[in-house]
Amino acid sequence: MPVPFISKNDGQRMLVSTLIKQPAVVPARIIQMMDQQFLADAILRPGPPAPGGVVLYNESTPLYADRSSSVVEEFGEIPAVSSSLGQPRTVRTVRRGMALKISQDMIDEENFDAVQTRMTQIRNTMRRDWDDAMLAAFFANPMLQQVTSTIAWNSPTSTIRKDINAARKKVETAAADVLGDQVFNFEPDTLIIGTTQKFDFLDSDEVSKPYQGNIADENLLYTGKLPNAFIGVDVLVSKRMPANKALVLERKTVGGISDRRQLRATNLYEHQPTETWRSDVTRASAIFVDQPLSACILNLTADA
């Protein structure tokens, strides 16, 4: 008796004609593909409402009251907090969008691969553009502190640990006044690097030094994986980070993103003159950096 062959492609195949009959399936699939895909949502906190497409925020507001708490005796009145606000700023929301189009030819040929490819392209493009918008907001803000590495990270004598600690020190000692009396006490917890720096990490003897002895099997050179945390900061990789820069910051403190229109995709609707069906994917948001001193740009020297 012949042995039957079982293929990974066996099973019910998704039909484009079925998608057209269920117009809510495609937008639900698109939104699912984009879930937790935006670096901005991982780094920034949800911001205030954006009425009329404008967000009002205060830059570098001190995180402590202007005076210390008081000792209150029995029947004594508790003093109201006296606080200061940072410089008022505004930023407008930006709407970005793309449309998925399904042609009659795709329907007639049941070409689901073409539909899937276009959904993937929309996901990747929207993710790229919003990541670029967030990074542009960081690099355009003159208040962000900066440090410069002395040795290229891909050099055998690189000082990656020292460079990151220098950026951490800038953030942790940042103050709201020139004398340094009003320290923000930021706690940097995130390092954002690009793909090039990812491989510099993996190749670095300095970074892999802690992974010795009974944890040698966790060595980066052995596992080929980045550590979840390195000297107290989570390591995130963004393909959009410039090769000559890295960022050290306190996540959810450095800034926010305000959605005037959350990410959404419309149900498929027909455009008869072109024999197409389409779903419009949009998001209207404003990105702002209201605590710029909680981030530090690490300028990296040229590759060795």
C-alpha atoms as a PDB file:
ATOM      1  CA  MET A   1       0.000   0.000   0.000  1.00  0.00           C
ATOM      2  CA  PRO A   2       1.574   3.330  -0.989  1.00  0.00           C
ATOM      3  CA  VAL A   3       2.377   5.797   1.765  1.00  0.00           C
ATOM      4  CA  PRO A   4       0.526   9.126   1.238  1.00  0.00           C
ATOM      5  CA  PHE A   5       2.561  12.309   1.112  1.00  0.00           C
ATOM      6  CA  ILE A   6       1.509  15.173   3.372  1.00  0.00           C
ATOM      7  CA  SER A   7       2.473  18.680   2.286  1.00  0.00           C
ATOM      8  CA  LYS A   8       2.687  21.808   4.415  1.00  0.00           C
ATOM      9  CA  ASN A   9       0.376  23.381   1.836  1.00  0.00           C
ATOM     10  CA  ASP A  10      -2.362  20.821   2.456  1.00  0.00           C
ATOM     11  CA  GLY A  11      -5.549  22.119   3.945  1.00  0.00           C
ATOM     12  CA  GLN A  12      -8.063  24.786   3.024  1.00  0.00           C
ATOM     13  CA  ARG A  13      -6.581  27.524   0.887  1.00  0.00           C
ATOM     14  CA  MET A  14      -7.602  31.134   1.427  1.00  0.00           C
ATOM     15  CA  LEU A  15      -9.668  32.360  -1.529  1.00  0.00           C
ATOM     16  CA  VAL A  16      -9.680  35.974  -2.664  1.00  0.00           C
ATOM     17  CA  SER A  17     -13.325  35.652  -3.648  1.00  0.00           C
ATOM     18  CA  THR A  18     -14.086  34.686  -0.045  1.00  0.00           C
ATOM     19  CA  LEU A  19     -12.340  37.844   1.222  1.00  0.00           C
ATOM     20  CA  ILE A  20     -14.543  39.969  -1.005  1.00  0.00           C
ATOM     21  CA  LYS A  21     -17.663  38.347   0.433  1.00  0.00           C
ATOM     22  CA  GLN A  22     -16.423  39.046   3.976  1.00  0.00           C
ATOM     23  CA  PRO A  23     -15.230  42.678   3.774  1.00  0.00           C
ATOM     24  CA  ALA A  24     -14.191  42.879   7.457  1.00  0.00           C
ATOM     25  CA  VAL A  25     -11.630  40.049   7.225  1.00  0.00           C
ATOM     26  CA  VAL A  26      -8.908  41.975   5.343  1.00  0.00           C
ATOM     27  CA  PRO A  27      -8.835  45.035   7.649  1.00  0.00           C
ATOM     28  CA  ALA A  28      -8.826  42.782  10.715  1.00  0.00           C
ATOM     29  CA  ARG A  29      -5.886  40.871   9.262  1.00  0.00           C
ATOM     30  CA  ILE A  30      -3.992  44.088   8.489  1.00  0.00           C
ATOM     31  CA  ILE A  31      -4.470  45.452  12.015  1.00  0.00           C
ATOM     32  CA  GLN A  32      -3.395  42.107  13.476  1.00  0.00           C
ATOM     33  CA  MET A  33      -0.221  42.167  11.357  1.00  0.00           C
ATOM     34  CA  MET A  34       0.606  45.625  12.729  1.00  0.00           C
ATOM     35  CA  ASP A  35       0.002  44.778  16.377  1.00  0.00           C
ATOM     36  CA  GLN A  36       3.046  45.765  18.492  1.00  0.00           C
ATOM     37  CA  GLN A  37       5.010  46.611  15.348  1.00  0.00           C
ATOM     38  CA  PHE A  38       5.577  50.335  15.985  1.00  0.00           C
ATOM     39  CA  LEU A  39       8.759  51.298  17.821  1.00  0.00           C
ATOM     40  CA  ALA A  40       7.104  54.605  18.750  1.00  0.00           C
ATOM     41  CA  ASP A  41       4.421  52.782  20.748  1.00  0.00           C
ATOM     42  CA  ALA A  42       7.102  50.819  22.622  1.00  0.00           C
ATOM     43  CA  ILE A  43       9.189  53.892  23.492  1.00  0.00           C
ATOM     44  CA  LEU A  44       6.621  56.669  23.914  1.00  0.00           C
ATOM     45  CA  ARG A  45       3.718  56.869  26.345  1.00  0.00           C
ATOM     46  CA  PRO A  46       0.145  57.597  25.224  1.00  0.00           C
ATOM     47  CA  GLY A  47      -0.089  61.379  25.010  1.00  0.00           C
ATOM     48  CA  PRO A  48      -2.928  63.809  25.748  1.00  0.00           C
ATOM     49  CA  PRO A  49      -5.872  64.324  23.381  1.00  0.00           C
ATOM     50  CA  ALA A  50      -5.269  66.167  20.124  1.00  0.00           C
ATOM     51  CA  PRO A  51      -8.352  68.370  19.658  1.00  0.00           C
ATOM     52  CA  GLY A  52      -8.292  70.062  16.281  1.00  0.00           C
ATOM     53  CA  GLY A  53      -5.152  68.122  15.420  1.00  0.00           C
ATOM     54  CA  VAL A  54      -2.903  70.014  17.866  1.00  0.00           C
ATOM     55  CA  VAL A  55      -1.201  68.699  21.013  1.00  0.00           C
ATOM     56  CA  LEU A  56      -0.136  71.114  23.756  1.00  0.00           C
ATOM     57  CA  TYR A  57       2.660  69.952  26.076  1.00  0.00           C
ATOM     58  CA  ASN A  58       5.321  71.382  28.386  1.00  0.00           C
ATOM     59  CA  GLU A  59       8.976  70.697  27.715  1.00  0.00           C
ATOM     60  CA  SER A  60      11.311  69.739  30.577  1.00  0.00           C
ATOM     61  CA  THR A  61       8.810  70.111  33.382  1.00  0.00           C
ATOM     62  CA  PRO A  62      10.598  69.372  36.713  1.00  0.00           C
ATOM     63  CA  LEU A  63       9.560  66.035  38.175  1.00  0.00           C
ATOM     64  CA  TYR A  64       9.721  67.316  41.765  1.00  0.00           C
ATOM     65  CA  ALA A  65       7.694  70.020  43.518  1.00  0.00           C
ATOM     66  CA  ASP A  66       9.332  73.392  44.126  1.00  0.00           C
ATOM     67  CA  ARG A  67       9.477  72.764  47.870  1.00  0.00           C
ATOM     68  CA  SER A  68       9.808  69.780  50.170  1.00  0.00           C
ATOM     69  CA  SER A  69       6.872  68.170  51.892  1.00  0.00           C
ATOM     70  CA  SER A  70       5.946  69.641  55.280  1.00  0.00           C
ATOM     71  CA  VAL A  71       5.619  68.093  58.693  1.00  0.00           C
ATOM     72  CA  VAL A  72       1.954  68.559  59.564  1.00  0.00           C
ATOM     73  CA  GLU A  73       0.912  68.707  63.216  1.00  0.00           C
ATOM     74  CA  GLU A  74      -2.470  67.618  64.478  1.00  0.00           C
ATOM     75  CA  PHE A  75      -5.200  69.872  63.039  1.00  0.00           C
ATOM     76  CA  GLY A  76      -2.574  71.515  60.885  1.00  0.00           C
ATOM     77  CA  GLU A  77      -3.345  72.422  57.286  1.00  0.00           C
ATOM     78  CA  ILE A  78      -1.630  70.394  54.603  1.00  0.00           C
ATOM     79  CA  PRO A  79       0.092  72.838  52.237  1.00  0.00           C
ATOM     80  CA  ALA A  80      -0.782  72.738  48.545  1.00  0.00           C
ATOM     81  CA  VAL A  81       1.938  71.619  46.182  1.00  0.00           C
ATOM     82  CA  SER A  82       3.923  74.387  44.562  1.00  0.00           C
ATOM     83  CA  SER A  83       5.208  73.303  41.183  1.00  0.00           C
ATOM     84  CA  SER A  84       6.652  74.663  37.973  1.00  0.00           C
ATOM     85  CA  LEU A  85       5.888  73.759  34.390  1.00  0.00           C
ATOM     86  CA  GLY A  86       8.258  73.569  31.480  1.00  0.00           C
ATOM     87  CA  GLN A  87       8.200  75.643  28.330  1.00  0.00           C
ATOM     88  CA  PRO A  88       4.835  75.295  26.546  1.00  0.00           C
ATOM     89  CA  ARG A  89       5.067  73.732  23.108  1.00  0.00           C
ATOM     90  CA  THR A  90       2.667  72.551  20.441  1.00  0.00           C
ATOM     91  CA  VAL A  91       2.867  69.914  17.745  1.00  0.00           C
ATOM     92  CA  ARG A  92       0.377  69.028  15.022  1.00  0.00           C
ATOM     93  CA  THR A  93      -0.879  65.576  14.199  1.00  0.00           C
ATOM     94  CA  VAL A  94       0.179  64.022  10.910  1.00  0.00           C
ATOM     95  CA  ARG A  95      -2.014  61.588   9.010  1.00  0.00           C
ATOM     96  CA  ARG A  96      -0.321  58.800   7.094  1.00  0.00           C
ATOM     97  CA  GLY A  97      -2.161  56.268   5.008  1.00  0.00           C
ATOM     98  CA  MET A  98      -1.978  53.581   2.372  1.00  0.00           C
ATOM     99  CA  ALA A  99      -4.651  51.699   0.468  1.00  0.00           C
ATOM    100  CA  LEU A 100      -4.756  47.987  -0.242  1.00  0.00           C
ATOM    101  CA  LYS A 101      -6.288  47.350  -3.662  1.00  0.00           C
ATOM    102  CA  ILE A 102      -7.579  44.002  -4.866  1.00  0.00           C
ATOM    103  CA  SER A 103      -8.125  43.803  -8.609  1.00  0.00           C
ATOM    104  CA  GLN A 104     -10.749  41.780 -10.412  1.00  0.00           C
ATOM    105  CA  ASP A 105      -7.896  39.779 -11.925  1.00  0.00           C
ATOM    106  CA  MET A 106      -6.741  38.751  -8.443  1.00  0.00           C
ATOM    107  CA  ILE A 107     -10.290  37.638  -7.686  1.00  0.00           C
ATOM    108  CA  ASP A 108     -10.717  35.718 -10.940  1.00  0.00           C
ATOM    109  CA  GLU A 109      -7.328  33.980 -10.509  1.00  0.00           C
ATOM    110  CA  GLU A 110      -7.747  33.486  -6.736  1.00  0.00           C
ATOM    111  CA  ASN A 111      -4.299  35.047  -6.337  1.00  0.00           C
ATOM    112  CA  PHE A 112      -4.151  35.304  -2.549  1.00  0.00           C
ATOM    113  CA  ASP A 113      -0.344  35.591  -2.599  1.00  0.00           C
ATOM    114  CA  ALA A 114      -0.642  38.966  -4.325  1.00  0.00           C
ATOM    115  CA  VAL A 115      -3.041  40.167  -1.618  1.00  0.00           C
ATOM    116  CA  GLN A 116      -0.766  38.879   1.144  1.00  0.00           C
ATOM    117  CA  THR A 117       2.249  40.594  -0.414  1.00  0.00           C
ATOM    118  CA  ARG A 118       0.462  43.934  -0.490  1.00  0.00           C
ATOM    119  CA  MET A 119      -0.644  43.603   3.127  1.00  0.00           C
ATOM    120  CA  THR A 120       2.958  42.861   4.142  1.00  0.00           C
ATOM    121  CA  GLN A 121       4.168  45.887   2.179  1.00  0.00           C
ATOM    122  CA  ILE A 122       1.648  48.134   3.929  1.00  0.00           C
ATOM    123  CA  ARG A 123       2.692  46.834   7.353  1.00  0.00           C
ATOM    124  CA  ASN A 124       6.398  47.304   6.680  1.00  0.00           C
ATOM    125  CA  THR A 125       5.989  50.744   5.107  1.00  0.00           C
ATOM    126  CA  MET A 126       3.745  52.147   7.849  1.00  0.00           C
ATOM    127  CA  ARG A 127       6.098  50.775  10.503  1.00  0.00           C
ATOM    128  CA  ARG A 128       9.117  52.282   8.751  1.00  0.00           C
ATOM    129  CA  ASP A 129       7.529  55.706   8.325  1.00  0.00           C
ATOM    130  CA  TRP A 130       6.371  56.019  11.952  1.00  0.00           C
ATOM    131  CA  ASP A 131       9.744  54.806  13.235  1.00  0.00           C
ATOM    132  CA  ASP A 132      11.403  57.437  11.056  1.00  0.00           C
ATOM    133  CA  ALA A 133       9.056  60.100  12.435  1.00  0.00           C
ATOM    134  CA  MET A 134       9.946  59.231  16.031  1.00  0.00           C
ATOM    135  CA  LEU A 135      13.692  59.155  15.397  1.00  0.00           C
ATOM    136  CA  ALA A 136      13.481  62.441  13.475  1.00  0.00           C
ATOM    137  CA  ALA A 137      11.767  64.040  16.501  1.00  0.00           C
ATOM    138  CA  PHE A 138      14.627  62.892  18.713  1.00  0.00           C
ATOM    139  CA  PHE A 139      17.459  63.992  16.463  1.00  0.00           C
ATOM    140  CA  ALA A 140      15.841  67.358  15.664  1.00  0.00           C
ATOM    141  CA  ASN A 141      15.481  68.317  19.338  1.00  0.00           C
ATOM    142  CA  PRO A 142      18.468  70.457  20.378  1.00  0.00           C
ATOM    143  CA  MET A 143      17.852  69.700  24.053  1.00  0.00           C
ATOM    144  CA  LEU A 144      18.897  66.064  23.768  1.00  0.00           C
ATOM    145  CA  GLN A 145      22.286  65.514  25.359  1.00  0.00           C
ATOM    146  CA  GLN A 146      25.077  63.945  23.347  1.00  0.00           C
ATOM    147  CA  VAL A 147      28.242  61.951  23.871  1.00  0.00           C
ATOM    148  CA  THR A 148      30.716  60.670  21.302  1.00  0.00           C
ATOM    149  CA  SER A 149      32.467  57.330  21.323  1.00  0.00           C
ATOM    150  CA  THR A 150      36.246  57.479  21.081  1.00  0.00           C
ATOM    151  CA  ILE A 151      36.694  54.151  19.325  1.00  0.00           C
ATOM    152  CA  ALA A 152      34.587  52.505  16.621  1.00  0.00           C
ATOM    153  CA  TRP A 153      32.358  49.766  18.006  1.00  0.00           C
ATOM    154  CA  ASN A 154      33.636  47.210  15.503  1.00  0.00           C
ATOM    155  CA  SER A 155      37.233  47.778  16.604  1.00  0.00           C
ATOM    156  CA  PRO A 156      38.966  45.052  18.664  1.00  0.00           C
ATOM    157  CA  THR A 157      39.666  47.754  21.261  1.00  0.00           C
ATOM    158  CA  SER A 158      36.105  49.150  21.343  1.00  0.00           C
ATOM    159  CA  THR A 159      34.775  50.558  24.606  1.00  0.00           C
ATOM    160  CA  ILE A 160      31.079  49.847  24.157  1.00  0.00           C
ATOM    161  CA  ARG A 161      30.440  49.486  27.881  1.00  0.00           C
ATOM    162  CA  LYS A 162      32.197  52.784  28.665  1.00  0.00           C
ATOM    163  CA  ASP A 163      30.343  54.629  25.883  1.00  0.00           C
ATOM    164  CA  ILE A 164      26.922  53.455  27.052  1.00  0.00           C
ATOM    165  CA  ASN A 165      27.755  54.298  30.653  1.00  0.00           C
ATOM    166  CA  ALA A 166      28.799  57.797  29.579  1.00  0.00           C
ATOM    167  CA  ALA A 167      25.383  58.282  27.985  1.00  0.00           C
ATOM    168  CA  ARG A 168      23.639  56.822  31.043  1.00  0.00           C
ATOM    169  CA  LYS A 169      25.521  59.239  33.289  1.00  0.00           C
ATOM    170  CA  LYS A 170      24.391  62.200  31.169  1.00  0.00           C
ATOM    171  CA  VAL A 171      20.770  61.136  31.593  1.00  0.00           C
ATOM    172  CA  GLU A 172      20.933  60.263  35.291  1.00  0.00           C
ATOM    173  CA  THR A 173      22.657  63.535  36.240  1.00  0.00           C
ATOM    174  CA  ALA A 174      20.470  65.789  34.065  1.00  0.00           C
ATOM    175  CA  ALA A 175      19.097  68.757  36.012  1.00  0.00           C
ATOM    176  CA  ALA A 176      16.438  71.388  35.461  1.00  0.00           C
ATOM    177  CA  ASP A 177      18.765  74.189  36.613  1.00  0.00           C
ATOM    178  CA  VAL A 178      22.293  75.273  35.750  1.00  0.00           C
ATOM    179  CA  LEU A 179      23.639  74.606  39.252  1.00  0.00           C
ATOM    180  CA  GLY A 180      22.386  71.040  39.177  1.00  0.00           C
ATOM    181  CA  ASP A 181      20.285  71.406  42.320  1.00  0.00           C
ATOM    182  CA  GLN A 182      17.073  70.203  40.639  1.00  0.00           C
ATOM    183  CA  VAL A 183      18.152  66.830  39.308  1.00  0.00           C
ATOM    184  CA  PHE A 184      15.420  65.021  37.372  1.00  0.00           C
ATOM    185  CA  ASN A 185      16.632  61.620  38.612  1.00  0.00           C
ATOM    186  CA  PHE A 186      15.884  59.965  35.302  1.00  0.00           C
ATOM    187  CA  GLU A 187      16.631  56.258  35.118  1.00  0.00           C
ATOM    188  CA  PRO A 188      17.659  55.280  31.574  1.00  0.00           C
ATOM    189  CA  ASP A 189      16.388  51.792  30.839  1.00  0.00           C
ATOM    190  CA  THR A 190      16.607  51.453  27.065  1.00  0.00           C
ATOM    191  CA  LEU A 191      19.323  51.387  24.415  1.00  0.00           C
ATOM    192  CA  ILE A 192      18.229  51.667  20.777  1.00  0.00           C
ATOM    193  CA  ILE A 193      20.795  50.566  18.216  1.00  0.00           C
ATOM    194  CA  GLY A 194      20.770  49.859  14.505  1.00  0.00           C
ATOM    195  CA  THR A 195      21.456  46.657  12.635  1.00  0.00           C
ATOM    196  CA  THR A 196      25.157  47.491  12.226  1.00  0.00           C
ATOM    197  CA  GLN A 197      25.600  48.010  15.973  1.00  0.00           C
ATOM    198  CA  LYS A 198      23.732  44.761  16.629  1.00  0.00           C
ATOM    199  CA  PHE A 199      26.511  42.800  14.956  1.00  0.00           C
ATOM    200  CA  ASP A 200      29.177  44.935  16.650  1.00  0.00           C
ATOM    201  CA  PHE A 201      27.621  43.791  19.943  1.00  0.00           C
ATOM    202  CA  LEU A 202      27.656  40.158  18.926  1.00  0.00           C
ATOM    203  CA  ASP A 203      31.298  40.345  17.831  1.00  0.00           C
ATOM    204  CA  SER A 204      32.565  42.294  20.843  1.00  0.00           C
ATOM    205  CA  ASP A 205      34.814  40.502  23.313  1.00  0.00           C
ATOM    206  CA  GLU A 206      34.163  43.303  25.798  1.00  0.00           C
ATOM    207  CA  VAL A 207      30.408  42.748  25.728  1.00  0.00           C
ATOM    208  CA  SER A 208      30.752  38.963  26.025  1.00  0.00           C
ATOM    209  CA  LYS A 209      33.149  39.085  29.018  1.00  0.00           C
ATOM    210  CA  PRO A 210      30.393  38.744  31.675  1.00  0.00           C
ATOM    211  CA  TYR A 211      29.203  35.524  30.015  1.00  0.00           C
ATOM    212  CA  GLN A 212      31.877  33.241  31.385  1.00  0.00           C
ATOM    213  CA  GLY A 213      32.125  30.408  33.888  1.00  0.00           C
ATOM    214  CA  ASN A 214      28.837  28.679  34.619  1.00  0.00           C
ATOM    215  CA  ILE A 215      26.915  30.969  32.222  1.00  0.00           C
ATOM    216  CA  ALA A 216      29.283  30.481  29.318  1.00  0.00           C
ATOM    217  CA  ASP A 217      26.468  28.922  27.300  1.00  0.00           C
ATOM    218  CA  GLU A 218      24.799  32.362  27.330  1.00  0.00           C
ATOM    219  CA  ASN A 219      27.806  33.984  25.652  1.00  0.00           C
ATOM    220  CA  LEU A 220      26.747  36.250  22.788  1.00  0.00           C
ATOM    221  CA  LEU A 221      29.456  34.773  20.597  1.00  0.00           C
ATOM    222  CA  TYR A 222      27.967  31.344  21.277  1.00  0.00           C
ATOM    223  CA  THR A 223      24.237  32.069  21.089  1.00  0.00           C
ATOM    224  CA  GLY A 224      24.308  34.723  18.367  1.00  0.00           C
ATOM    225  CA  LYS A 225      21.562  36.584  20.255  1.00  0.00           C
ATOM    226  CA  LEU A 226      21.562  40.000  21.872  1.00  0.00           C
ATOM    227  CA  PRO A 227      21.078  40.090  25.660  1.00  0.00           C
ATOM    228  CA  ASN A 228      17.668  41.147  26.931  1.00  0.00           C
ATOM    229  CA  ALA A 229      19.505  43.695  29.068  1.00  0.00           C
ATOM    230  CA  PHE A 230      23.052  45.030  29.081  1.00  0.00           C
ATOM    231  CA  ILE A 231      24.462  46.984  32.062  1.00  0.00           C
ATOM    232  CA  GLY A 232      20.971  47.869  33.162  1.00  0.00           C
ATOM    233  CA  VAL A 233      19.373  48.838  29.850  1.00  0.00           C
ATOM    234  CA  ASP A 234      17.114  46.864  27.539  1.00  0.00           C
ATOM    235  CA  VAL A 235      18.592  46.530  24.054  1.00  0.00           C
ATOM    236  CA  LEU A 236      16.224  47.277  21.164  1.00  0.00           C
ATOM    237  CA  VAL A 237      17.212  47.074  17.500  1.00  0.00           C
ATOM    238  CA  SER A 238      15.689  49.355  14.869  1.00  0.00           C
ATOM    239  CA  LYS A 239      16.508  48.962  11.198  1.00  0.00           C
ATOM    240  CA  ARG A 240      15.862  52.718  10.867  1.00  0.00           C
ATOM    241  CA  MET A 241      18.541  53.837  13.328  1.00  0.00           C
ATOM    242  CA  PRO A 242      21.421  55.574  11.496  1.00  0.00           C
ATOM    243  CA  ALA A 243      24.631  53.540  11.486  1.00  0.00           C
ATOM    244  CA  ASN A 244      26.529  56.332  13.250  1.00  0.00           C
ATOM    245  CA  LYS A 245      24.119  56.840  16.158  1.00  0.00           C
ATOM    246  CA  ALA A 246      22.539  55.089  19.134  1.00  0.00           C
ATOM    247  CA  LEU A 247      20.079  56.288  21.755  1.00  0.00           C
ATOM    248  CA  VAL A 248      20.040  55.809  25.530  1.00  0.00           C
ATOM    249  CA  LEU A 249      16.788  56.906  27.187  1.00  0.00           C
ATOM    250  CA  GLU A 250      14.118  56.333  29.793  1.00  0.00           C
ATOM    251  CA  ARG A 251      11.251  54.623  28.030  1.00  0.00           C
ATOM    252  CA  LYS A 252       7.736  56.079  28.477  1.00  0.00           C
ATOM    253  CA  THR A 253       9.253  59.253  29.966  1.00  0.00           C
ATOM    254  CA  VAL A 254      11.100  60.848  27.055  1.00  0.00           C
ATOM    255  CA  GLY A 255       7.924  61.735  25.160  1.00  0.00           C
ATOM    256  CA  GLY A 256       4.519  60.684  23.946  1.00  0.00           C
ATOM    257  CA  ILE A 257       2.398  59.914  20.938  1.00  0.00           C
ATOM    258  CA  SER A 258      -1.123  61.295  20.708  1.00  0.00           C
ATOM    259  CA  ASP A 259      -3.552  59.594  18.352  1.00  0.00           C
ATOM    260  CA  ARG A 260      -6.186  61.824  16.818  1.00  0.00           C
ATOM    261  CA  ARG A 261      -7.081  58.751  14.802  1.00  0.00           C
ATOM    262  CA  GLN A 262      -5.807  55.398  15.982  1.00  0.00           C
ATOM    263  CA  LEU A 263      -4.486  52.948  13.432  1.00  0.00           C
ATOM    264  CA  ARG A 264      -7.450  51.690  11.467  1.00  0.00           C
ATOM    265  CA  ALA A 265      -8.364  49.948   8.238  1.00  0.00           C
ATOM    266  CA  THR A 266     -11.710  50.289   6.492  1.00  0.00           C
ATOM    267  CA  ASN A 267     -13.813  47.368   5.374  1.00  0.00           C
ATOM    268  CA  LEU A 268     -13.284  46.424   1.746  1.00  0.00           C
ATOM    269  CA  TYR A 269     -15.396  48.555  -0.561  1.00  0.00           C
ATOM    270  CA  GLU A 270     -15.839  48.413  -4.306  1.00  0.00           C
ATOM    271  CA  HIS A 271     -14.631  50.974  -6.848  1.00  0.00           C
ATOM    272  CA  GLN A 272     -16.548  49.938  -9.933  1.00  0.00           C
ATOM    273  CA  PRO A 273     -14.862  52.167 -12.582  1.00  0.00           C
ATOM    274  CA  THR A 274     -11.516  50.366 -12.003  1.00  0.00           C
ATOM    275  CA  GLU A 275     -12.949  46.964 -11.065  1.00  0.00           C
ATOM    276  CA  THR A 276     -11.142  47.017  -7.747  1.00  0.00           C
ATOM    277  CA  TRP A 277     -11.872  46.535  -4.072  1.00  0.00           C
ATOM    278  CA  ARG A 278      -9.891  48.487  -1.501  1.00  0.00           C
ATOM    279  CA  SER A 279      -9.231  48.984   2.190  1.00  0.00           C
ATOM    280  CA  ASP A 280      -7.757  52.280   3.405  1.00  0.00           C
ATOM    281  CA  VAL A 281      -5.204  52.042   6.232  1.00  0.00           C
ATOM    282  CA  THR A 282      -4.586  55.274   8.170  1.00  0.00           C
ATOM    283  CA  ARG A 283      -3.200  56.653  11.395  1.00  0.00           C
ATOM    284  CA  ALA A 284      -3.202  60.303  12.479  1.00  0.00           C
ATOM    285  CA  SER A 285      -0.838  61.016  15.374  1.00  0.00           C
ATOM    286  CA  ALA A 286       1.471  63.604  16.885  1.00  0.00           C
ATOM    287  CA  ILE A 287       4.864  62.689  18.314  1.00  0.00           C
ATOM    288  CA  PHE A 288       6.396  64.972  20.934  1.00  0.00           C
ATOM    289  CA  VAL A 289       9.521  64.924  23.114  1.00  0.00           C
ATOM    290  CA  ASP A 290       8.647  66.656  26.376  1.00  0.00           C
ATOM    291  CA  GLN A 291      11.507  65.332  28.531  1.00  0.00           C
ATOM    292  CA  PRO A 292      14.466  65.614  26.139  1.00  0.00           C
ATOM    293  CA  LEU A 293      17.037  65.389  28.948  1.00  0.00           C
ATOM    294  CA  SER A 294      15.884  61.831  29.653  1.00  0.00           C
ATOM    295  CA  ALA A 295      17.565  60.797  26.392  1.00  0.00           C
ATOM    296  CA  CYS A 296      21.133  60.963  25.157  1.00  0.00           C
ATOM    297  CA  ILE A 297      22.374  60.589  21.597  1.00  0.00           C
ATOM    298  CA  LEU A 298      25.462  58.431  21.312  1.00  0.00           C
ATOM    299  CA  ASN A 299      27.445  59.556  18.275  1.00  0.00           C
ATOM    300  CA  LEU A 300      29.538  56.671  17.016  1.00  0.00           C
ATOM    301  CA  THR A 301      32.879  57.116  15.339  1.00  0.00           C
ATOM    302  CA  ALA A 302      33.419  55.740  11.857  1.00  0.00           C
ATOM    303  CA  ASP A 303      33.920  52.012  11.419  1.00  0.00           C
ATOM    304  CA  ALA A 304      37.467  50.805  11.820  1.00  0.00           C
END
